[in-house]
Amino acid sequence: MTTQIPVSHMAFVRARGGCSKQLGARLSTLIAPSRQAPGCLHFALQQSQCDADLWLVSGLWVNQPSMDAYFNSPAMAIFAELVQDLVVSSLDFHTFREVSAAQATEGCRAQVHKLAG
């Protein structure tokens, strides 16, 4: 039996001046289909409380293949369209995977040994 390791993505999307409402409306079209995508555990669209032009699109997926399938779905075309339509001034997209405590500190210990040596 294969262990499922949850993965996630976060996209920080900054609207061009005067385009925040349009950006929010277009990003909101992702919510329902993304939540219904196979392997989706959670999907959210959020707007910054301090910066009305900054939006966060985040998703949590049961495993890497589920997230990859979503990335290859037609829903993802919206990001290219937003850039092409000059609605977005910046797009910062990241993916993440869960790690154990040992994995999280592994690089840290290697760095400490390197600095001490």
PDB file of N, CA and C in Angstrom:
ATOM      1  N   MET A   1       0.832  -1.171   0.000  1.00  0.00           N
ATOM      2  CA  MET A   1       0.000   0.000   0.000  1.00  0.00           C
ATOM      3  C   MET A   1       0.888   1.250   0.000  1.00  0.00           C
ATOM      4  N   THR A   2       0.605   2.176  -0.895  1.00  0.00           N
ATOM      5  CA  THR A   2       1.369   3.405  -1.016  1.00  0.00           C
ATOM      6  C   THR A   2       0.822   4.465  -0.060  1.00  0.00           C
ATOM      7  N   THR A   3       1.725   5.136   0.637  1.00  0.00           N
ATOM      8  CA  THR A   3       1.323   6.211   1.534  1.00  0.00           C
ATOM      9  C   THR A   3       1.078   7.473   0.719  1.00  0.00           C
ATOM     10  N   GLN A   4      -0.045   8.107   0.986  1.00  0.00           N
ATOM     11  CA  GLN A   4      -0.385   9.358   0.315  1.00  0.00           C
ATOM     12  C   GLN A   4       0.262  10.508   1.099  1.00  0.00           C
ATOM     13  N   ILE A   5       1.033  11.344   0.433  1.00  0.00           N
ATOM     14  CA  ILE A   5       1.652  12.494   1.079  1.00  0.00           C
ATOM     15  C   ILE A   5       0.997  13.753   0.537  1.00  0.00           C
ATOM     16  N   PRO A   6       0.252  14.476   1.387  1.00  0.00           N
ATOM     17  CA  PRO A   6      -0.418  15.685   0.923  1.00  0.00           C
ATOM     18  C   PRO A   6       0.570  16.732   0.407  1.00  0.00           C
ATOM     19  N   VAL A   7       0.148  17.460  -0.598  1.00  0.00           N
ATOM     20  CA  VAL A   7       0.927  18.550  -1.175  1.00  0.00           C
ATOM     21  C   VAL A   7       0.011  19.763  -1.310  1.00  0.00           C
ATOM     22  N   SER A   8       0.604  20.919  -1.458  1.00  0.00           N
ATOM     23  CA  SER A   8      -0.212  22.126  -1.571  1.00  0.00           C
ATOM     24  C   SER A   8       0.426  23.119  -2.533  1.00  0.00           C
ATOM     25  N   HIS A   9      -0.371  24.090  -2.888  1.00  0.00           N
ATOM     26  CA  HIS A   9       0.145  25.185  -3.712  1.00  0.00           C
ATOM     27  C   HIS A   9      -0.387  26.503  -3.173  1.00  0.00           C
ATOM     28  N   MET A  10       0.388  27.543  -3.400  1.00  0.00           N
ATOM     29  CA  MET A  10      -0.018  28.899  -3.039  1.00  0.00           C
ATOM     30  C   MET A  10       0.406  29.814  -4.174  1.00  0.00           C
ATOM     31  N   ALA A  11      -0.518  30.633  -4.617  1.00  0.00           N
ATOM     32  CA  ALA A  11      -0.219  31.619  -5.648  1.00  0.00           C
ATOM     33  C   ALA A  11      -0.588  32.992  -5.102  1.00  0.00           C
ATOM     34  N   PHE A  12       0.409  33.850  -4.996  1.00  0.00           N
ATOM     35  CA  PHE A  12       0.179  35.235  -4.612  1.00  0.00           C
ATOM     36  C   PHE A  12       0.040  36.028  -5.899  1.00  0.00           C
ATOM     37  N   VAL A  13      -1.113  36.616  -6.084  1.00  0.00           N
ATOM     38  CA  VAL A  13      -1.420  37.301  -7.336  1.00  0.00           C
ATOM     39  C   VAL A  13      -1.711  38.769  -7.022  1.00  0.00           C
ATOM     40  N   ARG A  14      -0.930  39.654  -7.632  1.00  0.00           N
ATOM     41  CA  ARG A  14      -1.112  41.091  -7.423  1.00  0.00           C
ATOM     42  C   ARG A  14      -1.788  41.700  -8.646  1.00  0.00           C
ATOM     43  N   ALA A  15      -2.882  42.404  -8.386  1.00  0.00           N
ATOM     44  CA  ALA A  15      -3.633  43.061  -9.459  1.00  0.00           C
ATOM     45  C   ALA A  15      -2.903  44.315  -9.918  1.00  0.00           C
ATOM     46  N   ARG A  16      -3.036  44.601 -11.182  1.00  0.00           N
ATOM     47  CA  ARG A  16      -2.583  45.891 -11.704  1.00  0.00           C
ATOM     48  C   ARG A  16      -3.479  46.968 -11.109  1.00  0.00           C
ATOM     49  N   GLY A  17      -2.977  48.166 -10.997  1.00  0.00           N
ATOM     50  CA  GLY A  17      -3.759  49.269 -10.441  1.00  0.00           C
ATOM     51  C   GLY A  17      -5.134  49.376 -11.091  1.00  0.00           C
ATOM     52  N   GLY A  18      -6.150  49.430 -10.262  1.00  0.00           N
ATOM     53  CA  GLY A  18      -7.517  49.564 -10.744  1.00  0.00           C
ATOM     54  C   GLY A  18      -8.168  48.277 -11.217  1.00  0.00           C
ATOM     55  N   CYS A  19      -7.467  47.155 -11.111  1.00  0.00           N
ATOM     56  CA  CYS A  19      -7.998  45.881 -11.635  1.00  0.00           C
ATOM     57  C   CYS A  19      -8.322  44.853 -10.555  1.00  0.00           C
ATOM     58  N   SER A  20      -8.265  45.227  -9.281  1.00  0.00           N
ATOM     59  CA  SER A  20      -8.433  44.243  -8.213  1.00  0.00           C
ATOM     60  C   SER A  20      -9.805  43.577  -8.231  1.00  0.00           C
ATOM     61  N   LYS A  21     -10.862  44.349  -8.431  1.00  0.00           N
ATOM     62  CA  LYS A  21     -12.206  43.743  -8.460  1.00  0.00           C
ATOM     63  C   LYS A  21     -12.340  42.779  -9.630  1.00  0.00           C
ATOM     64  N   GLN A  22     -11.809  43.157 -10.781  1.00  0.00           N
ATOM     65  CA  GLN A  22     -11.853  42.282 -11.954  1.00  0.00           C
ATOM     66  C   GLN A  22     -11.043  41.010 -11.689  1.00  0.00           C
ATOM     67  N   LEU A  23      -9.868  41.155 -11.087  1.00  0.00           N
ATOM     68  CA  LEU A  23      -9.039  39.991 -10.767  1.00  0.00           C
ATOM     69  C   LEU A  23      -9.768  39.068  -9.802  1.00  0.00           C
ATOM     70  N   GLY A  24     -10.333  39.626  -8.737  1.00  0.00           N
ATOM     71  CA  GLY A  24     -11.062  38.812  -7.766  1.00  0.00           C
ATOM     72  C   GLY A  24     -12.226  38.065  -8.395  1.00  0.00           C
ATOM     73  N   ALA A  25     -12.956  38.746  -9.267  1.00  0.00           N
ATOM     74  CA  ALA A  25     -14.096  38.104  -9.935  1.00  0.00           C
ATOM     75  C   ALA A  25     -13.633  36.945 -10.806  1.00  0.00           C
ATOM     76  N   ARG A  26     -12.546  37.137 -11.512  1.00  0.00           N
ATOM     77  CA  ARG A  26     -12.061  36.067 -12.394  1.00  0.00           C
ATOM     78  C   ARG A  26     -11.454  34.916 -11.609  1.00  0.00           C
ATOM     79  N   LEU A  27     -10.716  35.224 -10.558  1.00  0.00           N
ATOM     80  CA  LEU A  27     -10.156  34.151  -9.720  1.00  0.00           C
ATOM     81  C   LEU A  27     -11.253  33.376  -9.005  1.00  0.00           C
ATOM     82  N   SER A  28     -12.345  34.038  -8.667  1.00  0.00           N
ATOM     83  CA  SER A  28     -13.433  33.349  -7.957  1.00  0.00           C
ATOM     84  C   SER A  28     -14.064  32.251  -8.803  1.00  0.00           C
ATOM     85  N   THR A  29     -13.898  32.322 -10.121  1.00  0.00           N
ATOM     86  CA  THR A  29     -14.441  31.258 -10.982  1.00  0.00           C
ATOM     87  C   THR A  29     -13.693  29.939 -10.795  1.00  0.00           C
ATOM     88  N   LEU A  30     -12.536  29.982 -10.144  1.00  0.00           N
ATOM     89  CA  LEU A  30     -11.766  28.759  -9.872  1.00  0.00           C
ATOM     90  C   LEU A  30     -12.304  27.965  -8.684  1.00  0.00           C
ATOM     91  N   ILE A  31     -13.001  28.618  -7.776  1.00  0.00           N
ATOM     92  CA  ILE A  31     -13.345  27.994  -6.497  1.00  0.00           C
ATOM     93  C   ILE A  31     -14.145  26.707  -6.648  1.00  0.00           C
ATOM     94  N   ALA A  32     -15.323  26.767  -7.244  1.00  0.00           N
ATOM     95  CA  ALA A  32     -16.185  25.571  -7.321  1.00  0.00           C
ATOM     96  C   ALA A  32     -15.541  24.429  -8.099  1.00  0.00           C
ATOM     97  N   PRO A  33     -15.033  24.660  -9.324  1.00  0.00           N
ATOM     98  CA  PRO A  33     -14.452  23.524 -10.051  1.00  0.00           C
ATOM     99  C   PRO A  33     -13.206  22.954  -9.374  1.00  0.00           C
ATOM    100  N   SER A  34     -12.430  23.804  -8.714  1.00  0.00           N
ATOM    101  CA  SER A  34     -11.219  23.322  -8.049  1.00  0.00           C
ATOM    102  C   SER A  34     -11.566  22.457  -6.849  1.00  0.00           C
ATOM    103  N   ARG A  35     -12.568  22.863  -6.102  1.00  0.00           N
ATOM    104  CA  ARG A  35     -12.988  22.079  -4.933  1.00  0.00           C
ATOM    105  C   ARG A  35     -13.555  20.730  -5.340  1.00  0.00           C
ATOM    106  N   GLN A  36     -14.065  20.629  -6.564  1.00  0.00           N
ATOM    107  CA  GLN A  36     -14.629  19.369  -7.057  1.00  0.00           C
ATOM    108  C   GLN A  36     -13.603  18.510  -7.791  1.00  0.00           C
ATOM    109  N   ALA A  37     -12.396  19.029  -7.982  1.00  0.00           N
ATOM    110  CA  ALA A  37     -11.367  18.278  -8.699  1.00  0.00           C
ATOM    111  C   ALA A  37     -10.957  17.051  -7.897  1.00  0.00           C
ATOM    112  N   PRO A  38     -10.683  15.937  -8.578  1.00  0.00           N
ATOM    113  CA  PRO A  38     -10.247  14.725  -7.869  1.00  0.00           C
ATOM    114  C   PRO A  38      -8.999  14.994  -7.032  1.00  0.00           C
ATOM    115  N   GLY A  39      -9.045  14.584  -5.779  1.00  0.00           N
ATOM    116  CA  GLY A  39      -7.898  14.719  -4.888  1.00  0.00           C
ATOM    117  C   GLY A  39      -7.806  16.044  -4.159  1.00  0.00           C
ATOM    118  N   CYS A  40      -8.718  16.972  -4.414  1.00  0.00           N
ATOM    119  CA  CYS A  40      -8.686  18.263  -3.724  1.00  0.00           C
ATOM    120  C   CYS A  40      -9.225  18.098  -2.302  1.00  0.00           C
ATOM    121  N   LEU A  41      -8.413  18.485  -1.323  1.00  0.00           N
ATOM    122  CA  LEU A  41      -8.830  18.442   0.075  1.00  0.00           C
ATOM    123  C   LEU A  41      -9.327  19.805   0.539  1.00  0.00           C
ATOM    124  N   HIS A  42      -8.770  20.864  -0.036  1.00  0.00           N
ATOM    125  CA  HIS A  42      -9.152  22.235   0.340  1.00  0.00           C
ATOM    126  C   HIS A  42      -8.711  23.179  -0.771  1.00  0.00           C
ATOM    127  N   PHE A  43      -9.537  24.165  -1.057  1.00  0.00           N
ATOM    128  CA  PHE A  43      -9.187  25.187  -2.048  1.00  0.00           C
ATOM    129  C   PHE A  43      -9.780  26.505  -1.570  1.00  0.00           C
ATOM    130  N   ALA A  44      -8.988  27.571  -1.626  1.00  0.00           N
ATOM    131  CA  ALA A  44      -9.470  28.860  -1.129  1.00  0.00           C
ATOM    132  C   ALA A  44      -8.927  30.024  -1.942  1.00  0.00           C
ATOM    133  N   LEU A  45      -9.722  31.066  -1.994  1.00  0.00           N
ATOM    134  CA  LEU A  45      -9.329  32.346  -2.567  1.00  0.00           C
ATOM    135  C   LEU A  45      -9.446  33.357  -1.442  1.00  0.00           C
ATOM    136  N   GLN A  46      -8.374  34.117  -1.209  1.00  0.00           N
ATOM    137  CA  GLN A  46      -8.374  35.117  -0.145  1.00  0.00           C
ATOM    138  C   GLN A  46      -7.820  36.429  -0.671  1.00  0.00           C
ATOM    139  N   GLN A  47      -8.317  37.517  -0.096  1.00  0.00           N
ATOM    140  CA  GLN A  47      -7.803  38.844  -0.415  1.00  0.00           C
ATOM    141  C   GLN A  47      -7.124  39.402   0.827  1.00  0.00           C
ATOM    142  N   SER A  48      -5.975  40.016   0.647  1.00  0.00           N
ATOM    143  CA  SER A  48      -5.231  40.588   1.763  1.00  0.00           C
ATOM    144  C   SER A  48      -6.071  41.624   2.501  1.00  0.00           C
ATOM    145  N   GLN A  49      -5.969  41.627   3.812  1.00  0.00           N
ATOM    146  CA  GLN A  49      -6.666  42.611   4.628  1.00  0.00           C
ATOM    147  C   GLN A  49      -5.966  43.970   4.597  1.00  0.00           C
ATOM    148  N   CYS A  50      -4.697  43.977   4.226  1.00  0.00           N
ATOM    149  CA  CYS A  50      -3.904  45.207   4.240  1.00  0.00           C
ATOM    150  C   CYS A  50      -3.635  45.775   2.856  1.00  0.00           C
ATOM    151  N   ASP A  51      -3.808  44.970   1.832  1.00  0.00           N
ATOM    152  CA  ASP A  51      -3.466  45.374   0.471  1.00  0.00           C
ATOM    153  C   ASP A  51      -4.538  44.834  -0.471  1.00  0.00           C
ATOM    154  N   ALA A  52      -5.469  45.670  -0.866  1.00  0.00           N
ATOM    155  CA  ALA A  52      -6.617  45.232  -1.676  1.00  0.00           C
ATOM    156  C   ALA A  52      -6.226  44.667  -3.037  1.00  0.00           C
ATOM    157  N   ASP A  53      -5.003  44.926  -3.479  1.00  0.00           N
ATOM    158  CA  ASP A  53      -4.561  44.409  -4.778  1.00  0.00           C
ATOM    159  C   ASP A  53      -3.923  43.028  -4.688  1.00  0.00           C
ATOM    160  N   LEU A  54      -3.736  42.497  -3.483  1.00  0.00           N
ATOM    161  CA  LEU A  54      -3.054  41.217  -3.304  1.00  0.00           C
ATOM    162  C   LEU A  54      -4.040  40.106  -2.981  1.00  0.00           C
ATOM    163  N   TRP A  55      -3.994  39.055  -3.784  1.00  0.00           N
ATOM    164  CA  TRP A  55      -4.877  37.895  -3.639  1.00  0.00           C
ATOM    165  C   TRP A  55      -4.032  36.645  -3.432  1.00  0.00           C
ATOM    166  N   LEU A  56      -4.600  35.673  -2.711  1.00  0.00           N
ATOM    167  CA  LEU A  56      -3.950  34.391  -2.475  1.00  0.00           C
ATOM    168  C   LEU A  56      -4.880  33.281  -2.941  1.00  0.00           C
ATOM    169  N   VAL A  57      -4.363  32.427  -3.806  1.00  0.00           N
ATOM    170  CA  VAL A  57      -5.089  31.235  -4.264  1.00  0.00           C
ATOM    171  C   VAL A  57      -4.327  30.042  -3.688  1.00  0.00           C
ATOM    172  N   SER A  58      -4.989  29.221  -2.863  1.00  0.00           N
ATOM    173  CA  SER A  58      -4.296  28.094  -2.247  1.00  0.00           C
ATOM    174  C   SER A  58      -5.111  26.821  -2.375  1.00  0.00           C
ATOM    175  N   GLY A  59      -4.389  25.719  -2.468  1.00  0.00           N
ATOM    176  CA  GLY A  59      -5.044  24.423  -2.561  1.00  0.00           C
ATOM    177  C   GLY A  59      -4.250  23.369  -1.820  1.00  0.00           C
ATOM    178  N   LEU A  60      -4.947  22.411  -1.259  1.00  0.00           N
ATOM    179  CA  LEU A  60      -4.342  21.269  -0.583  1.00  0.00           C
ATOM    180  C   LEU A  60      -4.834  20.022  -1.297  1.00  0.00           C
ATOM    181  N   TRP A  61      -3.891  19.154  -1.662  1.00  0.00           N
ATOM    182  CA  TRP A  61      -4.198  17.985  -2.487  1.00  0.00           C
ATOM    183  C   TRP A  61      -3.763  16.720  -1.782  1.00  0.00           C
ATOM    184  N   VAL A  62      -4.458  15.645  -2.039  1.00  0.00           N
ATOM    185  CA  VAL A  62      -4.192  14.369  -1.383  1.00  0.00           C
ATOM    186  C   VAL A  62      -2.792  13.842  -1.724  1.00  0.00           C
ATOM    187  N   ASN A  63      -2.293  14.136  -2.934  1.00  0.00           N
ATOM    188  CA  ASN A  63      -0.962  13.679  -3.329  1.00  0.00           C
ATOM    189  C   ASN A  63      -0.479  14.460  -4.562  1.00  0.00           C
ATOM    190  N   GLN A  64       0.773  14.257  -4.931  1.00  0.00           N
ATOM    191  CA  GLN A  64       1.376  14.960  -6.058  1.00  0.00           C
ATOM    192  C   GLN A  64       0.657  14.684  -7.377  1.00  0.00           C
ATOM    193  N   PRO A  65       0.306  13.427  -7.696  1.00  0.00           N
ATOM    194  CA  PRO A  65      -0.402  13.199  -8.958  1.00  0.00           C
ATOM    195  C   PRO A  65      -1.724  13.967  -9.065  1.00  0.00           C
ATOM    196  N   SER A  66      -2.442  14.108  -7.957  1.00  0.00           N
ATOM    197  CA  SER A  66      -3.701  14.874  -7.979  1.00  0.00           C
ATOM    198  C   SER A  66      -3.436  16.344  -8.276  1.00  0.00           C
ATOM    199  N   MET A  67      -2.420  16.904  -7.635  1.00  0.00           N
ATOM    200  CA  MET A  67      -2.100  18.307  -7.871  1.00  0.00           C
ATOM    201  C   MET A  67      -1.596  18.502  -9.301  1.00  0.00           C
ATOM    202  N   ASP A  68      -0.768  17.579  -9.782  1.00  0.00           N
ATOM    203  CA  ASP A  68      -0.267  17.669 -11.155  1.00  0.00           C
ATOM    204  C   ASP A  68      -1.408  17.621 -12.165  1.00  0.00           C
ATOM    205  N   ALA A  69      -2.370  16.745 -11.923  1.00  0.00           N
ATOM    206  CA  ALA A  69      -3.521  16.646 -12.831  1.00  0.00           C
ATOM    207  C   ALA A  69      -4.295  17.957 -12.846  1.00  0.00           C
ATOM    208  N   TYR A  70      -4.441  18.572 -11.686  1.00  0.00           N
ATOM    209  CA  TYR A  70      -5.127  19.865 -11.606  1.00  0.00           C
ATOM    210  C   TYR A  70      -4.345  20.935 -12.384  1.00  0.00           C
ATOM    211  N   PHE A  71      -3.023  20.944 -12.219  1.00  0.00           N
ATOM    212  CA  PHE A  71      -2.201  21.920 -12.932  1.00  0.00           C
ATOM    213  C   PHE A  71      -2.313  21.764 -14.440  1.00  0.00           C
ATOM    214  N   ASN A  72      -2.603  20.561 -14.903  1.00  0.00           N
ATOM    215  CA  ASN A  72      -2.738  20.302 -16.337  1.00  0.00           C
ATOM    216  C   ASN A  72      -4.180  20.423 -16.827  1.00  0.00           C
ATOM    217  N   SER A  73      -5.067  20.857 -15.951  1.00  0.00           N
ATOM    218  CA  SER A  73      -6.478  20.987 -16.307  1.00  0.00           C
ATOM    219  C   SER A  73      -6.741  22.349 -16.963  1.00  0.00           C
ATOM    220  N   PRO A  74      -7.855  22.464 -17.668  1.00  0.00           N
ATOM    221  CA  PRO A  74      -8.208  23.743 -18.296  1.00  0.00           C
ATOM    222  C   PRO A  74      -8.370  24.889 -17.295  1.00  0.00           C
ATOM    223  N   ALA A  75      -8.662  24.601 -16.036  1.00  0.00           N
ATOM    224  CA  ALA A  75      -8.848  25.645 -15.022  1.00  0.00           C
ATOM    225  C   ALA A  75      -7.603  26.518 -14.883  1.00  0.00           C
ATOM    226  N   MET A  76      -6.435  25.944 -15.063  1.00  0.00           N
ATOM    227  CA  MET A  76      -5.197  26.689 -14.879  1.00  0.00           C
ATOM    228  C   MET A  76      -4.951  27.722 -15.979  1.00  0.00           C
ATOM    229  N   ALA A  77      -5.662  27.628 -17.070  1.00  0.00           N
ATOM    230  CA  ALA A  77      -5.498  28.587 -18.168  1.00  0.00           C
ATOM    231  C   ALA A  77      -5.827  30.006 -17.723  1.00  0.00           C
ATOM    232  N   ILE A  78      -6.603  30.138 -16.664  1.00  0.00           N
ATOM    233  CA  ILE A  78      -6.991  31.471 -16.201  1.00  0.00           C
ATOM    234  C   ILE A  78      -5.766  32.312 -15.837  1.00  0.00           C
ATOM    235  N   PHE A  79      -4.706  31.701 -15.319  1.00  0.00           N
ATOM    236  CA  PHE A  79      -3.523  32.468 -14.937  1.00  0.00           C
ATOM    237  C   PHE A  79      -2.846  33.080 -16.163  1.00  0.00           C
ATOM    238  N   ALA A  80      -2.719  32.314 -17.220  1.00  0.00           N
ATOM    239  CA  ALA A  80      -2.141  32.839 -18.463  1.00  0.00           C
ATOM    240  C   ALA A  80      -3.024  33.949 -19.032  1.00  0.00           C
ATOM    241  N   GLU A  81      -4.338  33.755 -18.974  1.00  0.00           N
ATOM    242  CA  GLU A  81      -5.270  34.767 -19.484  1.00  0.00           C
ATOM    243  C   GLU A  81      -5.159  36.067 -18.695  1.00  0.00           C
ATOM    244  N   LEU A  82      -5.035  35.971 -17.377  1.00  0.00           N
ATOM    245  CA  LEU A  82      -4.936  37.168 -16.535  1.00  0.00           C
ATOM    246  C   LEU A  82      -3.667  37.955 -16.847  1.00  0.00           C
ATOM    247  N   VAL A  83      -2.574  37.249 -17.068  1.00  0.00           N
ATOM    248  CA  VAL A  83      -1.319  37.916 -17.421  1.00  0.00           C
ATOM    249  C   VAL A  83      -1.442  38.547 -18.807  1.00  0.00           C
ATOM    250  N   GLN A  84      -1.980  37.778 -19.742  1.00  0.00           N
ATOM    251  CA  GLN A  84      -2.136  38.257 -21.120  1.00  0.00           C
ATOM    252  C   GLN A  84      -3.070  39.469 -21.188  1.00  0.00           C
ATOM    253  N   ASP A  85      -4.120  39.464 -20.382  1.00  0.00           N
ATOM    254  CA  ASP A  85      -5.098  40.566 -20.390  1.00  0.00           C
ATOM    255  C   ASP A  85      -4.634  41.769 -19.562  1.00  0.00           C
ATOM    256  N   LEU A  86      -3.412  41.703 -19.031  1.00  0.00           N
ATOM    257  CA  LEU A  86      -2.813  42.798 -18.256  1.00  0.00           C
ATOM    258  C   LEU A  86      -3.610  43.162 -17.005  1.00  0.00           C
ATOM    259  N   VAL A  87      -4.221  42.147 -16.384  1.00  0.00           N
ATOM    260  CA  VAL A  87      -4.961  42.338 -15.139  1.00  0.00           C
ATOM    261  C   VAL A  87      -4.028  42.140 -13.942  1.00  0.00           C
ATOM    262  N   VAL A  88      -2.951  41.391 -14.154  1.00  0.00           N
ATOM    263  CA  VAL A  88      -2.024  41.012 -13.092  1.00  0.00           C
ATOM    264  C   VAL A  88      -0.704  41.768 -13.259  1.00  0.00           C
ATOM    265  N   SER A  89      -0.186  42.294 -12.148  1.00  0.00           N
ATOM    266  CA  SER A  89       1.135  42.924 -12.214  1.00  0.00           C
ATOM    267  C   SER A  89       2.228  41.955 -11.770  1.00  0.00           C
ATOM    268  N   SER A  90       1.876  40.978 -10.904  1.00  0.00           N
ATOM    269  CA  SER A  90       2.844  39.950 -10.523  1.00  0.00           C
ATOM    270  C   SER A  90       2.112  38.678 -10.106  1.00  0.00           C
ATOM    271  N   LEU A  91       2.806  37.568 -10.278  1.00  0.00           N
ATOM    272  CA  LEU A  91       2.277  36.254  -9.938  1.00  0.00           C
ATOM    273  C   LEU A  91       3.419  35.451  -9.340  1.00  0.00           C
ATOM    274  N   ASP A  92       3.264  35.049  -8.092  1.00  0.00           N
ATOM    275  CA  ASP A  92       4.293  34.303  -7.373  1.00  0.00           C
ATOM    276  C   ASP A  92       3.683  32.969  -6.963  1.00  0.00           C
ATOM    277  N   PHE A  93       4.097  31.883  -7.611  1.00  0.00           N
ATOM    278  CA  PHE A  93       3.468  30.579  -7.456  1.00  0.00           C
ATOM    279  C   PHE A  93       4.451  29.606  -6.815  1.00  0.00           C
ATOM    280  N   HIS A  94       3.998  28.891  -5.764  1.00  0.00           N
ATOM    281  CA  HIS A  94       4.848  27.930  -5.060  1.00  0.00           C
ATOM    282  C   HIS A  94       4.076  26.647  -4.777  1.00  0.00           C
ATOM    283  N   THR A  95       4.803  25.526  -4.749  1.00  0.00           N
ATOM    284  CA  THR A  95       4.221  24.254  -4.330  1.00  0.00           C
ATOM    285  C   THR A  95       4.988  23.753  -3.108  1.00  0.00           C
ATOM    286  N   PHE A  96       4.288  22.979  -2.283  1.00  0.00           N
ATOM    287  CA  PHE A  96       4.863  22.508  -1.027  1.00  0.00           C
ATOM    288  C   PHE A  96       4.497  21.050  -0.802  1.00  0.00           C
ATOM    289  N   ARG A  97       5.320  20.365  -0.001  1.00  0.00           N
ATOM    290  CA  ARG A  97       5.015  19.002   0.432  1.00  0.00           C
ATOM    291  C   ARG A  97       5.249  18.907   1.920  1.00  0.00           C
ATOM    292  N   GLU A  98       4.532  18.007   2.556  1.00  0.00           N
ATOM    293  CA  GLU A  98       4.724  17.800   3.988  1.00  0.00           C
ATOM    294  C   GLU A  98       6.068  17.144   4.233  1.00  0.00           C
ATOM    295  N   VAL A  99       6.689  17.515   5.343  1.00  0.00           N
ATOM    296  CA  VAL A  99       7.946  16.900   5.756  1.00  0.00           C
ATOM    297  C   VAL A  99       7.852  16.525   7.231  1.00  0.00           C
ATOM    298  N   SER A 100       8.635  15.543   7.614  1.00  0.00           N
ATOM    299  CA  SER A 100       8.695  15.161   9.026  1.00  0.00           C
ATOM    300  C   SER A 100       9.602  16.144   9.758  1.00  0.00           C
ATOM    301  N   ALA A 101       9.606  16.073  11.081  1.00  0.00           N
ATOM    302  CA  ALA A 101      10.489  16.926  11.873  1.00  0.00           C
ATOM    303  C   ALA A 101      11.945  16.661  11.513  1.00  0.00           C
ATOM    304  N   ALA A 102      12.287  15.394  11.297  1.00  0.00           N
ATOM    305  CA  ALA A 102      13.660  15.038  10.937  1.00  0.00           C
ATOM    306  C   ALA A 102      14.027  15.630   9.574  1.00  0.00           C
ATOM    307  N   GLN A 103      13.123  15.553   8.609  1.00  0.00           N
ATOM    308  CA  GLN A 103      13.390  16.117   7.290  1.00  0.00           C
ATOM    309  C   GLN A 103      13.517  17.636   7.361  1.00  0.00           C
ATOM    310  N   ALA A 104      12.713  18.259   8.205  1.00  0.00           N
ATOM    311  CA  ALA A 104      12.713  19.718   8.314  1.00  0.00           C
ATOM    312  C   ALA A 104      14.020  20.234   8.909  1.00  0.00           C
ATOM    313  N   THR A 105      14.631  19.469   9.797  1.00  0.00           N
ATOM    314  CA  THR A 105      15.864  19.926  10.433  1.00  0.00           C
ATOM    315  C   THR A 105      17.110  19.356   9.768  1.00  0.00           C
ATOM    316  N   GLU A 106      16.939  18.449   8.824  1.00  0.00           N
ATOM    317  CA  GLU A 106      18.060  17.797   8.146  1.00  0.00           C
ATOM    318  C   GLU A 106      19.008  18.815   7.512  1.00  0.00           C
ATOM    319  N   GLY A 107      18.494  19.716   6.723  1.00  0.00           N
ATOM    320  CA  GLY A 107      19.315  20.725   6.075  1.00  0.00           C
ATOM    321  C   GLY A 107      19.960  21.654   7.083  1.00  0.00           C
ATOM    322  N   CYS A 108      19.265  21.907   8.166  1.00  0.00           N
ATOM    323  CA  CYS A 108      19.765  22.784   9.216  1.00  0.00           C
ATOM    324  C   CYS A 108      21.004  22.169   9.878  1.00  0.00           C
ATOM    325  N   ARG A 109      20.947  20.880  10.182  1.00  0.00           N
ATOM    326  CA  ARG A 109      22.089  20.202  10.801  1.00  0.00           C
ATOM    327  C   ARG A 109      23.283  20.186   9.868  1.00  0.00           C
ATOM    328  N   ALA A 110      23.042  19.949   8.577  1.00  0.00           N
ATOM    329  CA  ALA A 110      24.131  19.934   7.604  1.00  0.00           C
ATOM    330  C   ALA A 110      24.784  21.310   7.553  1.00  0.00           C
ATOM    331  N   GLN A 111      24.001  22.352   7.626  1.00  0.00           N
ATOM    332  CA  GLN A 111      24.526  23.708   7.585  1.00  0.00           C
ATOM    333  C   GLN A 111      25.346  24.001   8.847  1.00  0.00           C
ATOM    334  N   VAL A 112      24.867  23.531  10.017  1.00  0.00           N
ATOM    335  CA  VAL A 112      25.583  23.749  11.271  1.00  0.00           C
ATOM    336  C   VAL A 112      26.926  23.049  11.224  1.00  0.00           C
ATOM    337  N   HIS A 113      26.939  21.786  10.728  1.00  0.00           N
ATOM    338  CA  HIS A 113      28.205  21.047  10.608  1.00  0.00           C
ATOM    339  C   HIS A 113      29.160  21.768   9.668  1.00  0.00           C
ATOM    340  N   LYS A 114      28.657  22.293   8.605  1.00  0.00           N
ATOM    341  CA  LYS A 114      29.483  22.989   7.620  1.00  0.00           C
ATOM    342  C   LYS A 114      30.078  24.254   8.241  1.00  0.00           C
ATOM    343  N   LEU A 115      29.267  24.995   9.005  1.00  0.00           N
ATOM    344  CA  LEU A 115      29.745  26.209   9.639  1.00  0.00           C
ATOM    345  C   LEU A 115      30.768  25.902  10.736  1.00  0.00           C
ATOM    346  N   ALA A 116      30.548  24.779  11.460  1.00  0.00           N
ATOM    347  CA  ALA A 116      31.444  24.410  12.562  1.00  0.00           C
ATOM    348  C   ALA A 116      32.761  23.842  12.045  1.00  0.00           C
ATOM    349  N   GLY A 117      32.744  23.260  10.851  1.00  0.00           N
ATOM    350  CA  GLY A 117      33.914  22.551  10.316  1.00  0.00           C
ATOM    351  C   GLY A 117      34.899  23.406   9.703  1.00  0.00           C
TER     352      GLY A 117
END
